[in-house]
């Protein structure tokens, strides 16, 4: 492995966390704290969010460590991810996983409670062993169950301050869980040939693109009205949230229908990115609704 500069190494470790995913993971946890009523500008909240960041970073790094051989074969990943690029040695990446995960779990366990620490540990182990090693190579519906760890930040945050879970936290979990399959299936349509080339049984490879479009639409039409449950029956959001969620949902559905109509993989890629903006917008809308 060629020697790289300190700036390149720092950037590589940042990329090892899958920063966009990890930041979104933290935002969903932050939303749970705000909805729960926890003051956010406190050392306790800062430590909880840092622990959630460490948990997400560890899980994402573990995924890249386990998939390093696969990443080296795929066009999308071999030119972007730090291990196949040779910027981080595999054993150093694994050390990062262990240290980051341990820090996050210890903060939650020592400062908060066992439930929050257990949920954080579950994120890392589930994403690494159950999704990456077991589900992803075996079933085209891998991401359906594999979406569990990425949805757990609200549960961790809520548990950290209350030592319990609540319907609101569970609905936040459910939103991310239902959002994950159509989000990743849109990407899988765009890079279907890459997945086929490395024998990863993603849904469009095994069941075909039409079936994948049908599944994306099904999940989307469930997800959008599901977002309104925060207002009724839970009562944790008001009219401002309903308006914002309705607008976001309308744009997301329009984008999805356009993708299905054109059947252009480039539109699937655009929908993949828009879905990130949709989920981010929903959680920001929840936070705004609580603060106004």
C-alpha atoms as a PDB file:
ATOM      1  CA  UNK A   1       0.000   0.000   0.000  1.00  0.00           C
ATOM      2  CA  UNK A   2       1.385   3.358  -1.045  1.00  0.00           C
ATOM      3  CA  UNK A   3       2.118   5.957   1.620  1.00  0.00           C
ATOM      4  CA  UNK A   4      -0.483   8.734   1.814  1.00  0.00           C
ATOM      5  CA  UNK A   5      -0.404  12.126   3.500  1.00  0.00           C
ATOM      6  CA  UNK A   6      -2.118  12.954   6.770  1.00  0.00           C
ATOM      7  CA  UNK A   7      -4.831  14.996   5.033  1.00  0.00           C
ATOM      8  CA  UNK A   8      -5.586  12.120   2.685  1.00  0.00           C
ATOM      9  CA  UNK A   9      -5.732   9.699   5.612  1.00  0.00           C
ATOM     10  CA  UNK A  10      -8.060  11.927   7.624  1.00  0.00           C
ATOM     11  CA  UNK A  11     -10.296  12.311   4.584  1.00  0.00           C
ATOM     12  CA  UNK A  12     -10.192   8.546   4.095  1.00  0.00           C
ATOM     13  CA  UNK A  13     -11.311   7.838   7.656  1.00  0.00           C
ATOM     14  CA  UNK A  14     -14.107  10.371   7.223  1.00  0.00           C
ATOM     15  CA  UNK A  15     -15.207   8.545   4.051  1.00  0.00           C
ATOM     16  CA  UNK A  16     -15.020   5.252   5.937  1.00  0.00           C
ATOM     17  CA  UNK A  17     -17.937   6.476   8.073  1.00  0.00           C
ATOM     18  CA  UNK A  18     -20.126   6.995   4.959  1.00  0.00           C
ATOM     19  CA  UNK A  19     -20.606  10.566   6.209  1.00  0.00           C
ATOM     20  CA  UNK A  20     -23.863  11.361   4.390  1.00  0.00           C
ATOM     21  CA  UNK A  21     -25.532   8.274   5.847  1.00  0.00           C
ATOM     22  CA  UNK A  22     -24.059   8.792   9.302  1.00  0.00           C
ATOM     23  CA  UNK A  23     -25.076  12.458   9.442  1.00  0.00           C
ATOM     24  CA  UNK A  24     -28.635  11.527   8.446  1.00  0.00           C
ATOM     25  CA  UNK A  25     -28.524   8.832  11.148  1.00  0.00           C
ATOM     26  CA  UNK A  26     -27.578  11.487  13.724  1.00  0.00           C
ATOM     27  CA  UNK A  27     -30.287  13.866  12.497  1.00  0.00           C
ATOM     28  CA  UNK A  28     -32.960  11.226  13.075  1.00  0.00           C
ATOM     29  CA  UNK A  29     -31.607  10.797  16.610  1.00  0.00           C
ATOM     30  CA  UNK A  30     -31.575  14.554  17.164  1.00  0.00           C
ATOM     31  CA  UNK A  31     -35.207  14.722  16.049  1.00  0.00           C
ATOM     32  CA  UNK A  32     -36.138  12.100  18.629  1.00  0.00           C
ATOM     33  CA  UNK A  33     -34.522  14.188  21.383  1.00  0.00           C
ATOM     34  CA  UNK A  34     -36.415  17.295  20.297  1.00  0.00           C
ATOM     35  CA  UNK A  35     -39.761  15.501  19.998  1.00  0.00           C
ATOM     36  CA  UNK A  36     -39.182  13.930  23.419  1.00  0.00           C
ATOM     37  CA  UNK A  37     -38.636  17.397  24.872  1.00  0.00           C
ATOM     38  CA  UNK A  38     -34.993  17.034  25.855  1.00  0.00           C
ATOM     39  CA  UNK A  39     -32.999  20.310  25.857  1.00  0.00           C
ATOM     40  CA  UNK A  40     -30.507  19.862  23.041  1.00  0.00           C
ATOM     41  CA  UNK A  41     -27.882  22.470  23.969  1.00  0.00           C
ATOM     42  CA  UNK A  42     -26.592  20.506  26.935  1.00  0.00           C
ATOM     43  CA  UNK A  43     -23.564  18.268  27.539  1.00  0.00           C
ATOM     44  CA  UNK A  44     -25.889  15.270  27.916  1.00  0.00           C
ATOM     45  CA  UNK A  45     -27.503  15.773  24.517  1.00  0.00           C
ATOM     46  CA  UNK A  46     -24.136  16.451  22.893  1.00  0.00           C
ATOM     47  CA  UNK A  47     -22.732  13.201  24.288  1.00  0.00           C
ATOM     48  CA  UNK A  48     -25.794  11.224  23.193  1.00  0.00           C
ATOM     49  CA  UNK A  49     -25.502  12.571  19.653  1.00  0.00           C
ATOM     50  CA  UNK A  50     -21.761  11.929  19.618  1.00  0.00           C
ATOM     51  CA  UNK A  51     -22.404   8.354  20.732  1.00  0.00           C
ATOM     52  CA  UNK A  52     -24.991   7.943  17.971  1.00  0.00           C
ATOM     53  CA  UNK A  53     -22.449   9.300  15.478  1.00  0.00           C
ATOM     54  CA  UNK A  54     -19.825   6.829  16.727  1.00  0.00           C
ATOM     55  CA  UNK A  55     -22.356   4.000  16.426  1.00  0.00           C
ATOM     56  CA  UNK A  56     -23.307   4.871  12.851  1.00  0.00           C
ATOM     57  CA  UNK A  57     -19.692   5.471  11.860  1.00  0.00           C
ATOM     58  CA  UNK A  58     -18.616   2.127  13.315  1.00  0.00           C
ATOM     59  CA  UNK A  59     -21.437   0.243  11.557  1.00  0.00           C
ATOM     60  CA  UNK A  60     -20.692   1.855   8.190  1.00  0.00           C
ATOM     61  CA  UNK A  61     -16.972   1.265   8.539  1.00  0.00           C
ATOM     62  CA  UNK A  62     -17.641  -2.374   9.463  1.00  0.00           C
ATOM     63  CA  UNK A  63     -19.709  -2.738   6.295  1.00  0.00           C
ATOM     64  CA  UNK A  64     -16.840  -1.369   4.197  1.00  0.00           C
ATOM     65  CA  UNK A  65     -14.329  -3.615   5.951  1.00  0.00           C
ATOM     66  CA  UNK A  66     -16.428  -6.715   5.284  1.00  0.00           C
ATOM     67  CA  UNK A  67     -17.162  -5.726   1.678  1.00  0.00           C
ATOM     68  CA  UNK A  68     -13.654  -4.586   0.775  1.00  0.00           C
ATOM     69  CA  UNK A  69     -13.167  -7.355  -1.825  1.00  0.00           C
ATOM     70  CA  UNK A  70     -16.585  -6.677  -3.366  1.00  0.00           C
ATOM     71  CA  UNK A  71     -15.984  -2.918  -3.361  1.00  0.00           C
ATOM     72  CA  UNK A  72     -12.752  -3.463  -5.287  1.00  0.00           C
ATOM     73  CA  UNK A  73     -14.744  -5.134  -8.091  1.00  0.00           C
ATOM     74  CA  UNK A  74     -17.533  -2.581  -8.479  1.00  0.00           C
ATOM     75  CA  UNK A  75     -17.038   0.573 -10.523  1.00  0.00           C
ATOM     76  CA  UNK A  76     -19.119   2.694  -8.134  1.00  0.00           C
ATOM     77  CA  UNK A  77     -17.101   1.805  -5.044  1.00  0.00           C
ATOM     78  CA  UNK A  78     -13.556   0.984  -6.095  1.00  0.00           C
ATOM     79  CA  UNK A  79     -12.841   4.590  -7.058  1.00  0.00           C
ATOM     80  CA  UNK A  80     -14.541   6.120  -4.008  1.00  0.00           C
ATOM     81  CA  UNK A  81     -14.060   3.971  -0.930  1.00  0.00           C
ATOM     82  CA  UNK A  82     -10.834   4.267   1.054  1.00  0.00           C
ATOM     83  CA  UNK A  83      -9.948   0.580   1.463  1.00  0.00           C
ATOM     84  CA  UNK A  84      -9.969  -0.395  -2.254  1.00  0.00           C
ATOM     85  CA  UNK A  85      -8.251   2.917  -3.010  1.00  0.00           C
ATOM     86  CA  UNK A  86      -5.425   1.846  -0.698  1.00  0.00           C
ATOM     87  CA  UNK A  87      -5.778   4.835   1.609  1.00  0.00           C
ATOM     88  CA  UNK A  88      -6.585   2.712   4.665  1.00  0.00           C
ATOM     89  CA  UNK A  89      -5.298  -0.754   5.500  1.00  0.00           C
ATOM     90  CA  UNK A  90      -8.027  -3.300   6.288  1.00  0.00           C
ATOM     91  CA  UNK A  91      -6.708  -3.951   9.798  1.00  0.00           C
ATOM     92  CA  UNK A  92      -6.692  -0.209  10.502  1.00  0.00           C
ATOM     93  CA  UNK A  93     -10.289   0.012   9.301  1.00  0.00           C
ATOM     94  CA  UNK A  94     -11.235  -2.829  11.653  1.00  0.00           C
ATOM     95  CA  UNK A  95      -9.510  -1.033  14.537  1.00  0.00           C
ATOM     96  CA  UNK A  96     -11.547   2.060  13.682  1.00  0.00           C
ATOM     97  CA  UNK A  97     -14.720  -0.061  13.839  1.00  0.00           C
ATOM     98  CA  UNK A  98     -13.861  -1.462  17.262  1.00  0.00           C
ATOM     99  CA  UNK A  99     -12.722   1.844  18.772  1.00  0.00           C
ATOM    100  CA  UNK A 100     -15.635   3.875  17.388  1.00  0.00           C
ATOM    101  CA  UNK A 101     -18.217   1.313  18.391  1.00  0.00           C
ATOM    102  CA  UNK A 102     -16.735   0.874  21.857  1.00  0.00           C
ATOM    103  CA  UNK A 103     -16.694   4.621  22.486  1.00  0.00           C
ATOM    104  CA  UNK A 104     -20.315   5.008  21.430  1.00  0.00           C
ATOM    105  CA  UNK A 105     -21.552   2.043  23.436  1.00  0.00           C
ATOM    106  CA  UNK A 106     -19.589   3.003  26.557  1.00  0.00           C
ATOM    107  CA  UNK A 107     -20.895   6.584  26.497  1.00  0.00           C
ATOM    108  CA  UNK A 108     -24.467   5.336  26.283  1.00  0.00           C
ATOM    109  CA  UNK A 109     -23.983   2.582  28.822  1.00  0.00           C
ATOM    110  CA  UNK A 110     -22.165   4.652  31.432  1.00  0.00           C
ATOM    111  CA  UNK A 111     -23.934   7.981  30.972  1.00  0.00           C
ATOM    112  CA  UNK A 112     -27.425   6.758  30.075  1.00  0.00           C
ATOM    113  CA  UNK A 113     -28.544   3.155  30.435  1.00  0.00           C
ATOM    114  CA  UNK A 114     -28.148  -0.425  29.287  1.00  0.00           C
ATOM    115  CA  UNK A 115     -31.077  -0.243  26.853  1.00  0.00           C
ATOM    116  CA  UNK A 116     -29.493   2.550  24.804  1.00  0.00           C
ATOM    117  CA  UNK A 117     -26.116   0.787  24.817  1.00  0.00           C
ATOM    118  CA  UNK A 118     -27.719  -2.499  23.749  1.00  0.00           C
ATOM    119  CA  UNK A 119     -29.529  -0.800  20.857  1.00  0.00           C
ATOM    120  CA  UNK A 120     -26.240   0.762  19.700  1.00  0.00           C
ATOM    121  CA  UNK A 121     -24.493  -2.606  19.826  1.00  0.00           C
ATOM    122  CA  UNK A 122     -27.382  -4.105  17.855  1.00  0.00           C
ATOM    123  CA  UNK A 123     -26.905  -1.518  15.092  1.00  0.00           C
ATOM    124  CA  UNK A 124     -23.270  -2.466  14.570  1.00  0.00           C
ATOM    125  CA  UNK A 125     -23.689  -6.241  14.786  1.00  0.00           C
ATOM    126  CA  UNK A 126     -26.895  -6.329  12.726  1.00  0.00           C
ATOM    127  CA  UNK A 127     -25.470  -4.202   9.914  1.00  0.00           C
ATOM    128  CA  UNK A 128     -22.215  -6.123   9.818  1.00  0.00           C
ATOM    129  CA  UNK A 129     -23.176  -9.740  10.349  1.00  0.00           C
ATOM    130  CA  UNK A 130     -26.889 -10.057   9.566  1.00  0.00           C
ATOM    131  CA  UNK A 131     -27.174  -7.627   6.634  1.00  0.00           C
ATOM    132  CA  UNK A 132     -23.708  -7.513   5.065  1.00  0.00           C
ATOM    133  CA  UNK A 133     -22.612 -11.130   5.508  1.00  0.00           C
ATOM    134  CA  UNK A 134     -25.910 -13.013   5.585  1.00  0.00           C
ATOM    135  CA  UNK A 135     -28.795 -11.186   3.892  1.00  0.00           C
ATOM    136  CA  UNK A 136     -27.115  -9.208   1.121  1.00  0.00           C
ATOM    137  CA  UNK A 137     -25.479 -12.175  -0.662  1.00  0.00           C
ATOM    138  CA  UNK A 138     -28.529 -14.445  -0.263  1.00  0.00           C
ATOM    139  CA  UNK A 139     -31.832 -12.699  -0.922  1.00  0.00           C
ATOM    140  CA  UNK A 140     -33.136  -9.964  -3.242  1.00  0.00           C
ATOM    141  CA  UNK A 141     -35.133  -8.639  -0.294  1.00  0.00           C
ATOM    142  CA  UNK A 142     -31.936  -8.090   1.704  1.00  0.00           C
ATOM    143  CA  UNK A 143     -32.556  -4.396   2.250  1.00  0.00           C
ATOM    144  CA  UNK A 144     -36.072  -4.933   3.622  1.00  0.00           C
ATOM    145  CA  UNK A 145     -34.775  -6.553   6.798  1.00  0.00           C
ATOM    146  CA  UNK A 146     -31.373  -4.917   6.409  1.00  0.00           C
ATOM    147  CA  UNK A 147     -32.958  -1.504   6.925  1.00  0.00           C
ATOM    148  CA  UNK A 148     -33.362  -2.179  10.650  1.00  0.00           C
ATOM    149  CA  UNK A 149     -29.987  -0.826  11.876  1.00  0.00           C
ATOM    150  CA  UNK A 150     -30.167   2.369   9.843  1.00  0.00           C
ATOM    151  CA  UNK A 151     -33.548   3.151  11.399  1.00  0.00           C
ATOM    152  CA  UNK A 152     -32.529   2.747  15.040  1.00  0.00           C
ATOM    153  CA  UNK A 153     -31.058   6.159  15.917  1.00  0.00           C
ATOM    154  CA  UNK A 154     -34.405   7.539  17.186  1.00  0.00           C
ATOM    155  CA  UNK A 155     -34.786   4.490  19.420  1.00  0.00           C
ATOM    156  CA  UNK A 156     -31.263   4.953  20.806  1.00  0.00           C
ATOM    157  CA  UNK A 157     -31.805   8.656  21.480  1.00  0.00           C
ATOM    158  CA  UNK A 158     -35.201   8.164  23.112  1.00  0.00           C
ATOM    159  CA  UNK A 159     -33.950   5.280  25.237  1.00  0.00           C
ATOM    160  CA  UNK A 160     -30.883   7.281  26.281  1.00  0.00           C
ATOM    161  CA  UNK A 161     -32.979   9.956  27.993  1.00  0.00           C
ATOM    162  CA  UNK A 162     -35.998   7.942  29.171  1.00  0.00           C
ATOM    163  CA  UNK A 163     -34.793   4.314  29.505  1.00  0.00           C
ATOM    164  CA  UNK A 164     -37.946   3.373  27.578  1.00  0.00           C
ATOM    165  CA  UNK A 165     -39.299   3.450  24.028  1.00  0.00           C
ATOM    166  CA  UNK A 166     -42.435   5.256  22.903  1.00  0.00           C
ATOM    167  CA  UNK A 167     -44.908   5.190  20.002  1.00  0.00           C
ATOM    168  CA  UNK A 168     -43.333   8.382  18.608  1.00  0.00           C
ATOM    169  CA  UNK A 169     -39.833   6.869  18.643  1.00  0.00           C
ATOM    170  CA  UNK A 170     -41.143   3.661  17.101  1.00  0.00           C
ATOM    171  CA  UNK A 171     -42.887   5.623  14.337  1.00  0.00           C
ATOM    172  CA  UNK A 172     -39.631   7.434  13.551  1.00  0.00           C
ATOM    173  CA  UNK A 173     -37.974   4.026  13.367  1.00  0.00           C
ATOM    174  CA  UNK A 174     -40.797   2.840  11.106  1.00  0.00           C
ATOM    175  CA  UNK A 175     -40.440   5.818   8.784  1.00  0.00           C
ATOM    176  CA  UNK A 176     -36.751   5.174   8.155  1.00  0.00           C
ATOM    177  CA  UNK A 177     -37.369   1.423   7.917  1.00  0.00           C
ATOM    178  CA  UNK A 178     -40.064   1.885   5.230  1.00  0.00           C
ATOM    179  CA  UNK A 179     -38.012   4.528   3.408  1.00  0.00           C
ATOM    180  CA  UNK A 180     -34.891   2.367   3.113  1.00  0.00           C
ATOM    181  CA  UNK A 181     -36.030  -0.254   0.525  1.00  0.00           C
ATOM    182  CA  UNK A 182     -37.323   2.163  -2.153  1.00  0.00           C
ATOM    183  CA  UNK A 183     -34.310   4.390  -1.555  1.00  0.00           C
ATOM    184  CA  UNK A 184     -31.793   1.605  -2.216  1.00  0.00           C
ATOM    185  CA  UNK A 185     -33.846  -0.110  -4.915  1.00  0.00           C
ATOM    186  CA  UNK A 186     -33.730   3.097  -6.969  1.00  0.00           C
ATOM    187  CA  UNK A 187     -29.926   2.976  -6.761  1.00  0.00           C
ATOM    188  CA  UNK A 188     -29.957  -0.756  -7.540  1.00  0.00           C
ATOM    189  CA  UNK A 189     -31.850  -0.079 -10.777  1.00  0.00           C
ATOM    190  CA  UNK A 190     -29.211   2.446 -11.805  1.00  0.00           C
ATOM    191  CA  UNK A 191     -26.277   0.091 -11.154  1.00  0.00           C
ATOM    192  CA  UNK A 192     -28.085  -3.189 -11.860  1.00  0.00           C
ATOM    193  CA  UNK A 193     -25.367  -4.432 -14.212  1.00  0.00           C
ATOM    194  CA  UNK A 194     -22.665  -3.838 -11.613  1.00  0.00           C
ATOM    195  CA  UNK A 195     -24.554  -5.905  -9.044  1.00  0.00           C
ATOM    196  CA  UNK A 196     -25.154  -8.629 -11.623  1.00  0.00           C
ATOM    197  CA  UNK A 197     -21.461  -8.645 -12.502  1.00  0.00           C
ATOM    198  CA  UNK A 198     -20.464  -9.457  -8.926  1.00  0.00           C
ATOM    199  CA  UNK A 199     -23.403 -11.834  -8.302  1.00  0.00           C
ATOM    200  CA  UNK A 200     -25.129  -9.734  -5.651  1.00  0.00           C
ATOM    201  CA  UNK A 201     -28.841 -10.678  -5.804  1.00  0.00           C
ATOM    202  CA  UNK A 202     -30.367  -7.211  -5.638  1.00  0.00           C
ATOM    203  CA  UNK A 203     -34.059  -6.997  -6.482  1.00  0.00           C
ATOM    204  CA  UNK A 204     -33.777  -5.675 -10.080  1.00  0.00           C
ATOM    205  CA  UNK A 205     -31.172  -8.337 -10.865  1.00  0.00           C
ATOM    206  CA  UNK A 206     -33.263 -11.259  -9.592  1.00  0.00           C
ATOM    207  CA  UNK A 207     -36.866 -10.123 -10.056  1.00  0.00           C
ATOM    208  CA  UNK A 208     -36.448  -7.621 -12.865  1.00  0.00           C
ATOM    209  CA  UNK A 209     -36.727  -3.858 -13.121  1.00  0.00           C
ATOM    210  CA  UNK A 210     -40.528  -3.792 -13.554  1.00  0.00           C
ATOM    211  CA  UNK A 211     -41.067  -5.713 -10.333  1.00  0.00           C
ATOM    212  CA  UNK A 212     -38.654  -3.352  -8.589  1.00  0.00           C
ATOM    213  CA  UNK A 213     -40.572  -0.314  -9.832  1.00  0.00           C
ATOM    214  CA  UNK A 214     -43.779  -1.881  -8.491  1.00  0.00           C
ATOM    215  CA  UNK A 215     -42.188  -2.459  -5.088  1.00  0.00           C
ATOM    216  CA  UNK A 216     -40.793   1.081  -4.957  1.00  0.00           C
ATOM    217  CA  UNK A 217     -44.240   2.498  -5.676  1.00  0.00           C
ATOM    218  CA  UNK A 218     -45.867   0.249  -3.069  1.00  0.00           C
ATOM    219  CA  UNK A 219     -43.466   1.289  -0.332  1.00  0.00           C
ATOM    220  CA  UNK A 220     -43.734   4.950  -1.320  1.00  0.00           C
ATOM    221  CA  UNK A 221     -47.542   5.067  -1.177  1.00  0.00           C
ATOM    222  CA  UNK A 222     -47.376   3.489   2.284  1.00  0.00           C
ATOM    223  CA  UNK A 223     -44.567   5.766   3.470  1.00  0.00           C
ATOM    224  CA  UNK A 224     -46.174   9.099   2.571  1.00  0.00           C
ATOM    225  CA  UNK A 225     -49.436   8.734   4.578  1.00  0.00           C
ATOM    226  CA  UNK A 226     -47.422   7.026   7.316  1.00  0.00           C
ATOM    227  CA  UNK A 227     -45.567  10.323   7.801  1.00  0.00           C
ATOM    228  CA  UNK A 228     -48.849  11.989   8.809  1.00  0.00           C
ATOM    229  CA  UNK A 229     -49.334   9.656  11.784  1.00  0.00           C
ATOM    230  CA  UNK A 230     -47.114  11.952  13.840  1.00  0.00           C
ATOM    231  CA  UNK A 231     -49.989  14.452  13.772  1.00  0.00           C
ATOM    232  CA  UNK A 232     -52.808  11.947  14.194  1.00  0.00           C
ATOM    233  CA  UNK A 233     -53.214   9.754  16.168  1.00  0.00           C
ATOM    234  CA  UNK A 234     -49.921  10.389  18.015  1.00  0.00           C
ATOM    235  CA  UNK A 235     -50.411  14.121  18.390  1.00  0.00           C
ATOM    236  CA  UNK A 236     -46.691  14.957  18.503  1.00  0.00           C
ATOM    237  CA  UNK A 237     -46.848  17.225  15.433  1.00  0.00           C
ATOM    238  CA  UNK A 238     -49.183  20.013  14.351  1.00  0.00           C
ATOM    239  CA  UNK A 239     -50.449  21.733  11.215  1.00  0.00           C
ATOM    240  CA  UNK A 240     -47.053  23.192  10.164  1.00  0.00           C
ATOM    241  CA  UNK A 241     -45.600  19.678  10.067  1.00  0.00           C
ATOM    242  CA  UNK A 242     -48.604  18.283   8.179  1.00  0.00           C
ATOM    243  CA  UNK A 243     -48.224  20.984   5.510  1.00  0.00           C
ATOM    244  CA  UNK A 244     -44.489  20.412   5.119  1.00  0.00           C
ATOM    245  CA  UNK A 245     -44.835  16.614   5.122  1.00  0.00           C
ATOM    246  CA  UNK A 246     -47.655  16.815   2.579  1.00  0.00           C
ATOM    247  CA  UNK A 247     -45.600  18.956   0.204  1.00  0.00           C
ATOM    248  CA  UNK A 248     -42.550  16.725   0.554  1.00  0.00           C
ATOM    249  CA  UNK A 249     -44.652  13.609   0.007  1.00  0.00           C
ATOM    250  CA  UNK A 250     -46.287  15.054  -3.106  1.00  0.00           C
ATOM    251  CA  UNK A 251     -42.896  15.851  -4.652  1.00  0.00           C
ATOM    252  CA  UNK A 252     -41.526  12.424  -3.723  1.00  0.00           C
ATOM    253  CA  UNK A 253     -44.499  10.635  -5.264  1.00  0.00           C
ATOM    254  CA  UNK A 254     -44.240  12.783  -8.392  1.00  0.00           C
ATOM    255  CA  UNK A 255     -40.543  11.936  -8.698  1.00  0.00           C
ATOM    256  CA  UNK A 256     -41.267   8.227  -8.241  1.00  0.00           C
ATOM    257  CA  UNK A 257     -44.050   8.188 -10.834  1.00  0.00           C
ATOM    258  CA  UNK A 258     -41.844  10.051 -13.305  1.00  0.00           C
ATOM    259  CA  UNK A 259     -39.084   7.484 -12.799  1.00  0.00           C
ATOM    260  CA  UNK A 260     -41.535   4.639 -13.462  1.00  0.00           C
ATOM    261  CA  UNK A 261     -42.961   6.380 -16.541  1.00  0.00           C
ATOM    262  CA  UNK A 262     -39.619   7.086 -18.219  1.00  0.00           C
ATOM    263  CA  UNK A 263     -37.956   3.811 -17.165  1.00  0.00           C
ATOM    264  CA  UNK A 264     -34.672   5.670 -17.487  1.00  0.00           C
ATOM    265  CA  UNK A 265     -31.971   4.484 -15.038  1.00  0.00           C
ATOM    266  CA  UNK A 266     -30.789   8.085 -14.781  1.00  0.00           C
ATOM    267  CA  UNK A 267     -34.190   9.052 -13.395  1.00  0.00           C
ATOM    268  CA  UNK A 268     -33.875   6.203 -10.886  1.00  0.00           C
ATOM    269  CA  UNK A 269     -30.559   7.701  -9.789  1.00  0.00           C
ATOM    270  CA  UNK A 270     -32.190  11.126  -9.406  1.00  0.00           C
ATOM    271  CA  UNK A 271     -34.990   9.567  -7.359  1.00  0.00           C
ATOM    272  CA  UNK A 272     -32.386   7.878  -5.169  1.00  0.00           C
ATOM    273  CA  UNK A 273     -30.913  11.274  -4.313  1.00  0.00           C
ATOM    274  CA  UNK A 274     -34.295  12.948  -3.935  1.00  0.00           C
ATOM    275  CA  UNK A 275     -35.350  10.286  -1.447  1.00  0.00           C
ATOM    276  CA  UNK A 276     -32.502  11.428   0.813  1.00  0.00           C
ATOM    277  CA  UNK A 277     -33.809  14.993   0.621  1.00  0.00           C
ATOM    278  CA  UNK A 278     -37.312  13.690   1.402  1.00  0.00           C
ATOM    279  CA  UNK A 279     -36.306  11.854   4.560  1.00  0.00           C
ATOM    280  CA  UNK A 280     -34.092  14.719   5.693  1.00  0.00           C
ATOM    281  CA  UNK A 281     -36.979  17.112   5.075  1.00  0.00           C
ATOM    282  CA  UNK A 282     -39.461  15.011   7.070  1.00  0.00           C
ATOM    283  CA  UNK A 283     -37.234  14.960  10.144  1.00  0.00           C
ATOM    284  CA  UNK A 284     -36.367  18.649   9.813  1.00  0.00           C
ATOM    285  CA  UNK A 285     -40.090  19.381   9.519  1.00  0.00           C
ATOM    286  CA  UNK A 286     -40.681  17.478  12.762  1.00  0.00           C
ATOM    287  CA  UNK A 287     -37.985  19.520  14.490  1.00  0.00           C
ATOM    288  CA  UNK A 288     -39.316  22.832  13.154  1.00  0.00           C
ATOM    289  CA  UNK A 289     -42.828  21.920  14.242  1.00  0.00           C
ATOM    290  CA  UNK A 290     -41.584  21.318  17.799  1.00  0.00           C
ATOM    291  CA  UNK A 291     -39.661  24.583  17.931  1.00  0.00           C
ATOM    292  CA  UNK A 292     -42.266  27.028  16.616  1.00  0.00           C
END
